[in-house]
ModelCIF file with pLDDT and N, C-alpha, C, O atoms, coordinates in Angstrom:
data_MODEL
#
_entry.id   MODEL 
#
_entity.id                         1 
_entity.type                       polymer 
_entity.pdbx_number_of_molecules   1 
#
_entity_poly.entity_id                      1 
_entity_poly.type                           'polypeptide(L)' 
_entity_poly.nstd_linkage                   no 
_entity_poly.nstd_monomer                   no 
_entity_poly.pdbx_seq_one_letter_code       RTAKDYFSTSSKGGEIFTGHSLYEDLKEHLLGSHDKRQKVRDFER 
_entity_poly.pdbx_seq_one_letter_code_can   RTAKDYFSTSSKGGEIFTGHSLYEDLKEHLLGSHDKRQKVRDFER 
_entity_poly.pdbx_strand_id                 A 
#
loop_
_entity_poly_seq.entity_id 
_entity_poly_seq.num 
_entity_poly_seq.mon_id 
_entity_poly_seq.hetero 
1 1  ARG n 
1 2  THR n 
1 3  ALA n 
1 4  LYS n 
1 5  ASP n 
1 6  TYR n 
1 7  PHE n 
1 8  SER n 
1 9  THR n 
1 10 SER n 
1 11 SER n 
1 12 LYS n 
1 13 GLY n 
1 14 GLY n 
1 15 GLU n 
1 16 ILE n 
1 17 PHE n 
1 18 THR n 
1 19 GLY n 
1 20 HIS n 
1 21 SER n 
1 22 LEU n 
1 23 TYR n 
1 24 GLU n 
1 25 ASP n 
1 26 LEU n 
1 27 LYS n 
1 28 GLU n 
1 29 HIS n 
1 30 LEU n 
1 31 LEU n 
1 32 GLY n 
1 33 SER n 
1 34 HIS n 
1 35 ASP n 
1 36 LYS n 
1 37 ARG n 
1 38 GLN n 
1 39 LYS n 
1 40 VAL n 
1 41 ARG n 
1 42 ASP n 
1 43 PHE n 
1 44 GLU n 
1 45 ARG n 
#
_struct_asym.id          A 
_struct_asym.entity_id   1 
#
loop_
_ma_qa_metric.id 
_ma_qa_metric.mode 
_ma_qa_metric.name 
_ma_qa_metric.software_group_id 
_ma_qa_metric.type 
1 global pLDDT . pLDDT 
2 local  pLDDT . pLDDT 
#
_ma_qa_metric_global.metric_id      1 
_ma_qa_metric_global.metric_value   90.27 
_ma_qa_metric_global.model_id       1 
_ma_qa_metric_global.ordinal_id     1 
#
loop_
_ma_qa_metric_local.label_asym_id 
_ma_qa_metric_local.label_comp_id 
_ma_qa_metric_local.label_seq_id 
_ma_qa_metric_local.metric_id 
_ma_qa_metric_local.metric_value 
_ma_qa_metric_local.model_id 
_ma_qa_metric_local.ordinal_id 
A ARG 1  2 94.00 1 1  
A THR 2  2 94.00 1 2  
A ALA 3  2 93.00 1 3  
A LYS 4  2 92.00 1 4  
A ASP 5  2 92.00 1 5  
A TYR 6  2 92.00 1 6  
A PHE 7  2 89.00 1 7  
A SER 8  2 74.00 1 8  
A THR 9  2 61.00 1 9  
A SER 10 2 53.00 1 10 
A SER 11 2 55.00 1 11 
A LYS 12 2 63.00 1 12 
A GLY 13 2 69.00 1 13 
A GLY 14 2 89.00 1 14 
A GLU 15 2 94.00 1 15 
A ILE 16 2 96.00 1 16 
A PHE 17 2 97.00 1 17 
A THR 18 2 97.00 1 18 
A GLY 19 2 96.00 1 19 
A HIS 20 2 95.00 1 20 
A SER 21 2 95.00 1 21 
A LEU 22 2 96.00 1 22 
A TYR 23 2 95.00 1 23 
A GLU 24 2 94.00 1 24 
A ASP 25 2 96.00 1 25 
A LEU 26 2 96.00 1 26 
A LYS 27 2 95.00 1 27 
A GLU 28 2 95.00 1 28 
A HIS 29 2 96.00 1 29 
A LEU 30 2 95.00 1 30 
A LEU 31 2 94.00 1 31 
A GLY 32 2 94.00 1 32 
A SER 33 2 95.00 1 33 
A HIS 34 2 95.00 1 34 
A ASP 35 2 94.00 1 35 
A LYS 36 2 95.00 1 36 
A ARG 37 2 95.00 1 37 
A GLN 38 2 96.00 1 38 
A LYS 39 2 96.00 1 39 
A VAL 40 2 96.00 1 40 
A ARG 41 2 96.00 1 41 
A ASP 42 2 95.00 1 42 
A PHE 43 2 96.00 1 43 
A GLU 44 2 95.00 1 44 
A ARG 45 2 92.00 1 45 
#
loop_
_atom_site.group_PDB 
_atom_site.id 
_atom_site.type_symbol 
_atom_site.label_atom_id 
_atom_site.label_alt_id 
_atom_site.label_comp_id 
_atom_site.label_asym_id 
_atom_site.label_entity_id 
_atom_site.label_seq_id 
_atom_site.pdbx_PDB_ins_code 
_atom_site.Cartn_x 
_atom_site.Cartn_y 
_atom_site.Cartn_z 
_atom_site.occupancy 
_atom_site.B_iso_or_equiv 
_atom_site.pdbx_formal_charge 
_atom_site.auth_seq_id 
_atom_site.auth_comp_id 
_atom_site.auth_asym_id 
_atom_site.auth_atom_id 
_atom_site.pdbx_PDB_model_num 
ATOM 1   N N  . ARG A 1 1  ? 79.933  124.449 69.738 1.00 94.00 ? 1  ARG A N  1 
ATOM 2   C CA . ARG A 1 1  ? 78.650  124.409 69.046 1.00 94.00 ? 1  ARG A CA 1 
ATOM 3   C C  . ARG A 1 1  ? 78.596  123.250 68.048 1.00 94.00 ? 1  ARG A C  1 
ATOM 4   O O  . ARG A 1 1  ? 77.583  122.559 67.936 1.00 94.00 ? 1  ARG A O  1 
ATOM 5   N N  . THR A 1 2  ? 79.691  123.050 67.332 1.00 94.00 ? 2  THR A N  1 
ATOM 6   C CA . THR A 1 2  ? 79.753  121.956 66.355 1.00 94.00 ? 2  THR A CA 1 
ATOM 7   C C  . THR A 1 2  ? 79.604  120.608 67.050 1.00 94.00 ? 2  THR A C  1 
ATOM 8   O O  . THR A 1 2  ? 78.842  119.752 66.601 1.00 94.00 ? 2  THR A O  1 
ATOM 9   N N  . ALA A 1 3  ? 80.336  120.421 68.148 1.00 93.00 ? 3  ALA A N  1 
ATOM 10  C CA . ALA A 1 3  ? 80.268  119.157 68.872 1.00 93.00 ? 3  ALA A CA 1 
ATOM 11  C C  . ALA A 1 3  ? 78.867  118.926 69.445 1.00 93.00 ? 3  ALA A C  1 
ATOM 12  O O  . ALA A 1 3  ? 78.356  117.807 69.403 1.00 93.00 ? 3  ALA A O  1 
ATOM 13  N N  . LYS A 1 4  ? 78.255  119.973 69.973 1.00 92.00 ? 4  LYS A N  1 
ATOM 14  C CA . LYS A 1 4  ? 76.924  119.836 70.558 1.00 92.00 ? 4  LYS A CA 1 
ATOM 15  C C  . LYS A 1 4  ? 75.879  119.491 69.508 1.00 92.00 ? 4  LYS A C  1 
ATOM 16  O O  . LYS A 1 4  ? 75.002  118.661 69.749 1.00 92.00 ? 4  LYS A O  1 
ATOM 17  N N  . ASP A 1 5  ? 75.971  120.127 68.343 1.00 92.00 ? 5  ASP A N  1 
ATOM 18  C CA . ASP A 1 5  ? 74.977  119.911 67.291 1.00 92.00 ? 5  ASP A CA 1 
ATOM 19  C C  . ASP A 1 5  ? 75.118  118.553 66.604 1.00 92.00 ? 5  ASP A C  1 
ATOM 20  O O  . ASP A 1 5  ? 74.122  117.913 66.267 1.00 92.00 ? 5  ASP A O  1 
ATOM 21  N N  . TYR A 1 6  ? 76.361  118.123 66.400 1.00 92.00 ? 6  TYR A N  1 
ATOM 22  C CA . TYR A 1 6  ? 76.572  116.974 65.529 1.00 92.00 ? 6  TYR A CA 1 
ATOM 23  C C  . TYR A 1 6  ? 77.140  115.730 66.202 1.00 92.00 ? 6  TYR A C  1 
ATOM 24  O O  . TYR A 1 6  ? 76.953  114.623 65.700 1.00 92.00 ? 6  TYR A O  1 
ATOM 25  N N  . PHE A 1 7  ? 77.829  115.891 67.328 1.00 89.00 ? 7  PHE A N  1 
ATOM 26  C CA . PHE A 1 7  ? 78.529  114.754 67.894 1.00 89.00 ? 7  PHE A CA 1 
ATOM 27  C C  . PHE A 1 7  ? 78.242  114.627 69.388 1.00 89.00 ? 7  PHE A C  1 
ATOM 28  O O  . PHE A 1 7  ? 78.171  115.619 70.114 1.00 89.00 ? 7  PHE A O  1 
ATOM 29  N N  . SER A 1 8  ? 78.080  113.384 69.825 1.00 74.00 ? 8  SER A N  1 
ATOM 30  C CA . SER A 1 8  ? 78.063  113.140 71.260 1.00 74.00 ? 8  SER A CA 1 
ATOM 31  C C  . SER A 1 8  ? 79.495  112.943 71.726 1.00 74.00 ? 8  SER A C  1 
ATOM 32  O O  . SER A 1 8  ? 80.390  112.727 70.909 1.00 74.00 ? 8  SER A O  1 
ATOM 33  N N  . THR A 1 9  ? 79.719  113.015 73.033 1.00 61.00 ? 9  THR A N  1 
ATOM 34  C CA . THR A 1 9  ? 81.082  112.873 73.554 1.00 61.00 ? 9  THR A CA 1 
ATOM 35  C C  . THR A 1 9  ? 81.697  111.546 73.164 1.00 61.00 ? 9  THR A C  1 
ATOM 36  O O  . THR A 1 9  ? 82.896  111.456 72.901 1.00 61.00 ? 9  THR A O  1 
ATOM 37  N N  . SER A 1 10 ? 80.855  110.505 73.128 1.00 53.00 ? 10 SER A N  1 
ATOM 38  C CA . SER A 1 10 ? 81.369  109.158 72.838 1.00 53.00 ? 10 SER A CA 1 
ATOM 39  C C  . SER A 1 10 ? 81.576  108.916 71.361 1.00 53.00 ? 10 SER A C  1 
ATOM 40  O O  . SER A 1 10 ? 82.356  108.043 70.981 1.00 53.00 ? 10 SER A O  1 
ATOM 41  N N  . SER A 1 11 ? 80.878  109.688 70.501 1.00 55.00 ? 11 SER A N  1 
ATOM 42  C CA . SER A 1 11 ? 80.939  109.391 69.070 1.00 55.00 ? 11 SER A CA 1 
ATOM 43  C C  . SER A 1 11 ? 81.940  110.233 68.305 1.00 55.00 ? 11 SER A C  1 
ATOM 44  O O  . SER A 1 11 ? 82.274  109.913 67.165 1.00 55.00 ? 11 SER A O  1 
ATOM 45  N N  . LYS A 1 12 ? 82.430  111.314 68.921 1.00 63.00 ? 12 LYS A N  1 
ATOM 46  C CA . LYS A 1 12 ? 83.367  112.178 68.194 1.00 63.00 ? 12 LYS A CA 1 
ATOM 47  C C  . LYS A 1 12 ? 84.615  111.379 67.845 1.00 63.00 ? 12 LYS A C  1 
ATOM 48  O O  . LYS A 1 12 ? 85.276  110.833 68.728 1.00 63.00 ? 12 LYS A O  1 
ATOM 49  N N  . GLY A 1 13 ? 84.934  111.311 66.565 1.00 69.00 ? 13 GLY A N  1 
ATOM 50  C CA . GLY A 1 13 ? 85.978  110.391 66.122 1.00 69.00 ? 13 GLY A CA 1 
ATOM 51  C C  . GLY A 1 13 ? 87.374  110.967 66.116 1.00 69.00 ? 13 GLY A C  1 
ATOM 52  O O  . GLY A 1 13 ? 88.323  110.234 65.839 1.00 69.00 ? 13 GLY A O  1 
ATOM 53  N N  . GLY A 1 14 ? 87.549  112.252 66.411 1.00 89.00 ? 14 GLY A N  1 
ATOM 54  C CA . GLY A 1 14 ? 88.872  112.847 66.350 1.00 89.00 ? 14 GLY A CA 1 
ATOM 55  C C  . GLY A 1 14 ? 88.812  114.308 66.756 1.00 89.00 ? 14 GLY A C  1 
ATOM 56  O O  . GLY A 1 14 ? 87.938  114.714 67.522 1.00 89.00 ? 14 GLY A O  1 
ATOM 57  N N  . GLU A 1 15 ? 89.740  115.089 66.240 1.00 94.00 ? 15 GLU A N  1 
ATOM 58  C CA . GLU A 1 15 ? 89.843  116.496 66.605 1.00 94.00 ? 15 GLU A CA 1 
ATOM 59  C C  . GLU A 1 15 ? 88.958  117.359 65.722 1.00 94.00 ? 15 GLU A C  1 
ATOM 60  O O  . GLU A 1 15 ? 88.884  117.150 64.511 1.00 94.00 ? 15 GLU A O  1 
ATOM 61  N N  . ILE A 1 16 ? 88.291  118.326 66.331 1.00 96.00 ? 16 ILE A N  1 
ATOM 62  C CA . ILE A 1 16 ? 87.557  119.354 65.592 1.00 96.00 ? 16 ILE A CA 1 
ATOM 63  C C  . ILE A 1 16 ? 88.407  120.617 65.602 1.00 96.00 ? 16 ILE A C  1 
ATOM 64  O O  . ILE A 1 16 ? 88.704  121.164 66.664 1.00 96.00 ? 16 ILE A O  1 
ATOM 65  N N  . PHE A 1 17 ? 88.799  121.078 64.417 1.00 97.00 ? 17 PHE A N  1 
ATOM 66  C CA . PHE A 1 17 ? 89.668  122.251 64.315 1.00 97.00 ? 17 PHE A CA 1 
ATOM 67  C C  . PHE A 1 17 ? 88.912  123.375 63.633 1.00 97.00 ? 17 PHE A C  1 
ATOM 68  O O  . PHE A 1 17 ? 88.478  123.239 62.489 1.00 97.00 ? 17 PHE A O  1 
ATOM 69  N N  . THR A 1 18 ? 88.756  124.492 64.341 1.00 97.00 ? 18 THR A N  1 
ATOM 70  C CA . THR A 1 18 ? 88.024  125.645 63.810 1.00 97.00 ? 18 THR A CA 1 
ATOM 71  C C  . THR A 1 18 ? 88.930  126.842 63.546 1.00 97.00 ? 18 THR A C  1 
ATOM 72  O O  . THR A 1 18 ? 88.475  127.851 63.007 1.00 97.00 ? 18 THR A O  1 
ATOM 73  N N  . GLY A 1 19 ? 90.213  126.744 63.921 1.00 96.00 ? 19 GLY A N  1 
ATOM 74  C CA . GLY A 1 19 ? 91.126  127.869 63.805 1.00 96.00 ? 19 GLY A CA 1 
ATOM 75  C C  . GLY A 1 19 ? 91.390  128.540 65.139 1.00 96.00 ? 19 GLY A C  1 
ATOM 76  O O  . GLY A 1 19 ? 92.380  129.255 65.290 1.00 96.00 ? 19 GLY A O  1 
ATOM 77  N N  . HIS A 1 20 ? 90.503  128.314 66.123 1.00 95.00 ? 20 HIS A N  1 
ATOM 78  C CA . HIS A 1 20 ? 90.623  128.976 67.420 1.00 95.00 ? 20 HIS A CA 1 
ATOM 79  C C  . HIS A 1 20 ? 91.917  128.604 68.135 1.00 95.00 ? 20 HIS A C  1 
ATOM 80  O O  . HIS A 1 20 ? 92.518  129.441 68.809 1.00 95.00 ? 20 HIS A O  1 
ATOM 81  N N  . SER A 1 21 ? 92.350  127.345 67.990 1.00 95.00 ? 21 SER A N  1 
ATOM 82  C CA . SER A 1 21 ? 93.514  126.856 68.735 1.00 95.00 ? 21 SER A CA 1 
ATOM 83  C C  . SER A 1 21 ? 94.841  127.161 68.041 1.00 95.00 ? 21 SER A C  1 
ATOM 84  O O  . SER A 1 21 ? 95.890  126.713 68.506 1.00 95.00 ? 21 SER A O  1 
ATOM 85  N N  . LEU A 1 22 ? 94.818  127.916 66.936 1.00 96.00 ? 22 LEU A N  1 
ATOM 86  C CA . LEU A 1 22 ? 96.053  128.186 66.197 1.00 96.00 ? 22 LEU A CA 1 
ATOM 87  C C  . LEU A 1 22 ? 97.120  128.822 67.097 1.00 96.00 ? 22 LEU A C  1 
ATOM 88  O O  . LEU A 1 22 ? 98.296  128.467 67.015 1.00 96.00 ? 22 LEU A O  1 
ATOM 89  N N  . TYR A 1 23 ? 96.709  129.751 67.945 1.00 95.00 ? 23 TYR A N  1 
ATOM 90  C CA . TYR A 1 23 ? 97.653  130.440 68.832 1.00 95.00 ? 23 TYR A CA 1 
ATOM 91  C C  . TYR A 1 23 ? 98.376  129.435 69.730 1.00 95.00 ? 23 TYR A C  1 
ATOM 92  O O  . TYR A 1 23 ? 99.606  129.431 69.783 1.00 95.00 ? 23 TYR A O  1 
ATOM 93  N N  . GLU A 1 24 ? 97.627  128.583 70.436 1.00 94.00 ? 24 GLU A N  1 
ATOM 94  C CA . GLU A 1 24 ? 98.224  127.612 71.350 1.00 94.00 ? 24 GLU A CA 1 
ATOM 95  C C  . GLU A 1 24 ? 99.004  126.545 70.593 1.00 94.00 ? 24 GLU A C  1 
ATOM 96  O O  . GLU A 1 24 ? 100.052 126.097 71.060 1.00 94.00 ? 24 GLU A O  1 
ATOM 97  N N  . ASP A 1 25 ? 98.509  126.137 69.439 1.00 96.00 ? 25 ASP A N  1 
ATOM 98  C CA . ASP A 1 25 ? 99.213  125.131 68.636 1.00 96.00 ? 25 ASP A CA 1 
ATOM 99  C C  . ASP A 1 25 ? 100.576 125.639 68.190 1.00 96.00 ? 25 ASP A C  1 
ATOM 100 O O  . ASP A 1 25 ? 101.572 124.920 68.260 1.00 96.00 ? 25 ASP A O  1 
ATOM 101 N N  . LEU A 1 26 ? 100.610 126.892 67.730 1.00 96.00 ? 26 LEU A N  1 
ATOM 102 C CA . LEU A 1 26 ? 101.881 127.478 67.298 1.00 96.00 ? 26 LEU A CA 1 
ATOM 103 C C  . LEU A 1 26 ? 102.860 127.598 68.464 1.00 96.00 ? 26 LEU A C  1 
ATOM 104 O O  . LEU A 1 26 ? 104.044 127.292 68.325 1.00 96.00 ? 26 LEU A O  1 
ATOM 105 N N  . LYS A 1 27 ? 102.355 128.046 69.614 1.00 95.00 ? 27 LYS A N  1 
ATOM 106 C CA . LYS A 1 27 ? 103.205 128.202 70.789 1.00 95.00 ? 27 LYS A CA 1 
ATOM 107 C C  . LYS A 1 27 ? 103.810 126.851 71.196 1.00 95.00 ? 27 LYS A C  1 
ATOM 108 O O  . LYS A 1 27 ? 104.991 126.764 71.534 1.00 95.00 ? 27 LYS A O  1 
ATOM 109 N N  . GLU A 1 28 ? 102.984 125.804 71.156 1.00 95.00 ? 28 GLU A N  1 
ATOM 110 C CA . GLU A 1 28 ? 103.464 124.465 71.506 1.00 95.00 ? 28 GLU A CA 1 
ATOM 111 C C  . GLU A 1 28 ? 104.564 124.008 70.561 1.00 95.00 ? 28 GLU A C  1 
ATOM 112 O O  . GLU A 1 28 ? 105.564 123.438 70.998 1.00 95.00 ? 28 GLU A O  1 
ATOM 113 N N  . HIS A 1 29 ? 104.384 124.256 69.262 1.00 96.00 ? 29 HIS A N  1 
ATOM 114 C CA . HIS A 1 29 ? 105.376 123.809 68.280 1.00 96.00 ? 29 HIS A CA 1 
ATOM 115 C C  . HIS A 1 29 ? 106.666 124.633 68.370 1.00 96.00 ? 29 HIS A C  1 
ATOM 116 O O  . HIS A 1 29 ? 107.763 124.078 68.317 1.00 96.00 ? 29 HIS A O  1 
ATOM 117 N N  . LEU A 1 30 ? 106.534 125.941 68.504 1.00 95.00 ? 30 LEU A N  1 
ATOM 118 C CA . LEU A 1 30 ? 107.729 126.795 68.527 1.00 95.00 ? 30 LEU A CA 1 
ATOM 119 C C  . LEU A 1 30 ? 108.550 126.602 69.797 1.00 95.00 ? 30 LEU A C  1 
ATOM 120 O O  . LEU A 1 30 ? 109.754 126.860 69.800 1.00 95.00 ? 30 LEU A O  1 
ATOM 121 N N  . LEU A 1 31 ? 107.917 126.153 70.866 1.00 94.00 ? 31 LEU A N  1 
ATOM 122 C CA . LEU A 1 31 ? 108.632 125.884 72.116 1.00 94.00 ? 31 LEU A CA 1 
ATOM 123 C C  . LEU A 1 31 ? 108.934 124.398 72.293 1.00 94.00 ? 31 LEU A C  1 
ATOM 124 O O  . LEU A 1 31 ? 109.393 123.965 73.350 1.00 94.00 ? 31 LEU A O  1 
ATOM 125 N N  . GLY A 1 32 ? 108.665 123.618 71.229 1.00 94.00 ? 32 GLY A N  1 
ATOM 126 C CA . GLY A 1 32 ? 108.855 122.179 71.312 1.00 94.00 ? 32 GLY A CA 1 
ATOM 127 C C  . GLY A 1 32 ? 110.163 121.719 70.707 1.00 94.00 ? 32 GLY A C  1 
ATOM 128 O O  . GLY A 1 32 ? 111.151 122.452 70.696 1.00 94.00 ? 32 GLY A O  1 
ATOM 129 N N  . SER A 1 33 ? 110.157 120.498 70.203 1.00 95.00 ? 33 SER A N  1 
ATOM 130 C CA . SER A 1 33 ? 111.361 119.871 69.646 1.00 95.00 ? 33 SER A CA 1 
ATOM 131 C C  . SER A 1 33 ? 111.765 120.532 68.330 1.00 95.00 ? 33 SER A C  1 
ATOM 132 O O  . SER A 1 33 ? 111.027 121.338 67.764 1.00 95.00 ? 33 SER A O  1 
ATOM 133 N N  . HIS A 1 34 ? 112.958 120.167 67.863 1.00 95.00 ? 34 HIS A N  1 
ATOM 134 C CA . HIS A 1 34 ? 113.439 120.698 66.584 1.00 95.00 ? 34 HIS A CA 1 
ATOM 135 C C  . HIS A 1 34 ? 112.486 120.317 65.457 1.00 95.00 ? 34 HIS A C  1 
ATOM 136 O O  . HIS A 1 34 ? 112.199 121.134 64.583 1.00 95.00 ? 34 HIS A O  1 
ATOM 137 N N  . ASP A 1 35 ? 111.989 119.067 65.475 1.00 94.00 ? 35 ASP A N  1 
ATOM 138 C CA . ASP A 1 35 ? 111.069 118.615 64.419 1.00 94.00 ? 35 ASP A CA 1 
ATOM 139 C C  . ASP A 1 35 ? 109.804 119.463 64.407 1.00 94.00 ? 35 ASP A C  1 
ATOM 140 O O  . ASP A 1 35 ? 109.298 119.808 63.339 1.00 94.00 ? 35 ASP A O  1 
ATOM 141 N N  . LYS A 1 36 ? 109.292 119.799 65.586 1.00 95.00 ? 36 LYS A N  1 
ATOM 142 C CA . LYS A 1 36 ? 108.080 120.615 65.657 1.00 95.00 ? 36 LYS A CA 1 
ATOM 143 C C  . LYS A 1 36 ? 108.345 122.024 65.128 1.00 95.00 ? 36 LYS A C  1 
ATOM 144 O O  . LYS A 1 36 ? 107.531 122.580 64.389 1.00 95.00 ? 36 LYS A O  1 
ATOM 145 N N  . ARG A 1 37 ? 109.467 122.587 65.504 1.00 95.00 ? 37 ARG A N  1 
ATOM 146 C CA . ARG A 1 37 ? 109.815 123.931 65.007 1.00 95.00 ? 37 ARG A CA 1 
ATOM 147 C C  . ARG A 1 37 ? 110.008 123.909 63.489 1.00 95.00 ? 37 ARG A C  1 
ATOM 148 O O  . ARG A 1 37 ? 109.659 124.865 62.798 1.00 95.00 ? 37 ARG A O  1 
ATOM 149 N N  . GLN A 1 38 ? 110.567 122.807 62.979 1.00 96.00 ? 38 GLN A N  1 
ATOM 150 C CA . GLN A 1 38 ? 110.795 122.697 61.538 1.00 96.00 ? 38 GLN A CA 1 
ATOM 151 C C  . GLN A 1 38 ? 109.475 122.639 60.783 1.00 96.00 ? 38 GLN A C  1 
ATOM 152 O O  . GLN A 1 38 ? 109.367 123.177 59.681 1.00 96.00 ? 38 GLN A O  1 
ATOM 153 N N  . LYS A 1 39 ? 108.471 121.990 61.367 1.00 96.00 ? 39 LYS A N  1 
ATOM 154 C CA . LYS A 1 39 ? 107.148 121.936 60.726 1.00 96.00 ? 39 LYS A CA 1 
ATOM 155 C C  . LYS A 1 39 ? 106.578 123.338 60.554 1.00 96.00 ? 39 LYS A C  1 
ATOM 156 O O  . LYS A 1 39 ? 106.003 123.661 59.515 1.00 96.00 ? 39 LYS A O  1 
ATOM 157 N N  . VAL A 1 40 ? 106.743 124.166 61.581 1.00 96.00 ? 40 VAL A N  1 
ATOM 158 C CA . VAL A 1 40 ? 106.271 125.549 61.486 1.00 96.00 ? 40 VAL A CA 1 
ATOM 159 C C  . VAL A 1 40 ? 107.033 126.301 60.403 1.00 96.00 ? 40 VAL A C  1 
ATOM 160 O O  . VAL A 1 40 ? 106.448 127.064 59.635 1.00 96.00 ? 40 VAL A O  1 
ATOM 161 N N  . ARG A 1 41 ? 108.349 126.077 60.350 1.00 96.00 ? 41 ARG A N  1 
ATOM 162 C CA . ARG A 1 41 ? 109.161 126.762 59.342 1.00 96.00 ? 41 ARG A CA 1 
ATOM 163 C C  . ARG A 1 41 ? 108.750 126.336 57.937 1.00 96.00 ? 41 ARG A C  1 
ATOM 164 O O  . ARG A 1 41 ? 108.696 127.160 57.024 1.00 96.00 ? 41 ARG A O  1 
ATOM 165 N N  . ASP A 1 42 ? 108.463 125.054 57.769 1.00 95.00 ? 42 ASP A N  1 
ATOM 166 C CA . ASP A 1 42 ? 108.005 124.566 56.453 1.00 95.00 ? 42 ASP A CA 1 
ATOM 167 C C  . ASP A 1 42 ? 106.678 125.208 56.075 1.00 95.00 ? 42 ASP A C  1 
ATOM 168 O O  . ASP A 1 42 ? 106.446 125.532 54.910 1.00 95.00 ? 42 ASP A O  1 
ATOM 169 N N  . PHE A 1 43 ? 105.814 125.388 57.060 1.00 96.00 ? 43 PHE A N  1 
ATOM 170 C CA . PHE A 1 43 ? 104.516 126.004 56.793 1.00 96.00 ? 43 PHE A CA 1 
ATOM 171 C C  . PHE A 1 43 ? 104.684 127.477 56.424 1.00 96.00 ? 43 PHE A C  1 
ATOM 172 O O  . PHE A 1 43 ? 104.026 127.969 55.507 1.00 96.00 ? 43 PHE A O  1 
ATOM 173 N N  . GLU A 1 44 ? 105.557 128.173 57.130 1.00 95.00 ? 44 GLU A N  1 
ATOM 174 C CA . GLU A 1 44 ? 105.826 129.578 56.799 1.00 95.00 ? 44 GLU A CA 1 
ATOM 175 C C  . GLU A 1 44 ? 106.416 129.700 55.399 1.00 95.00 ? 44 GLU A C  1 
ATOM 176 O O  . GLU A 1 44 ? 106.075 130.623 54.660 1.00 95.00 ? 44 GLU A O  1 
ATOM 177 N N  . ARG A 1 45 ? 107.294 128.782 55.034 1.00 92.00 ? 45 ARG A N  1 
ATOM 178 C CA . ARG A 1 45 ? 107.882 128.816 53.697 1.00 92.00 ? 45 ARG A CA 1 
ATOM 179 C C  . ARG A 1 45 ? 106.818 128.570 52.628 1.00 92.00 ? 45 ARG A C  1 
ATOM 180 O O  . ARG A 1 45 ? 107.130 128.563 51.437 1.00 92.00 ? 45 ARG A O  1 
#
């Protein structure tokens, strides 16, 4: 909805984060490299 109301496909300048992708983002980091897992640990701390 945000992209449709405010941005065209060509003009969107980066990522739109609404909280919806938190589940997939966390899964990617926890199953990723040590640095990615450490970022999650720092956030939890």
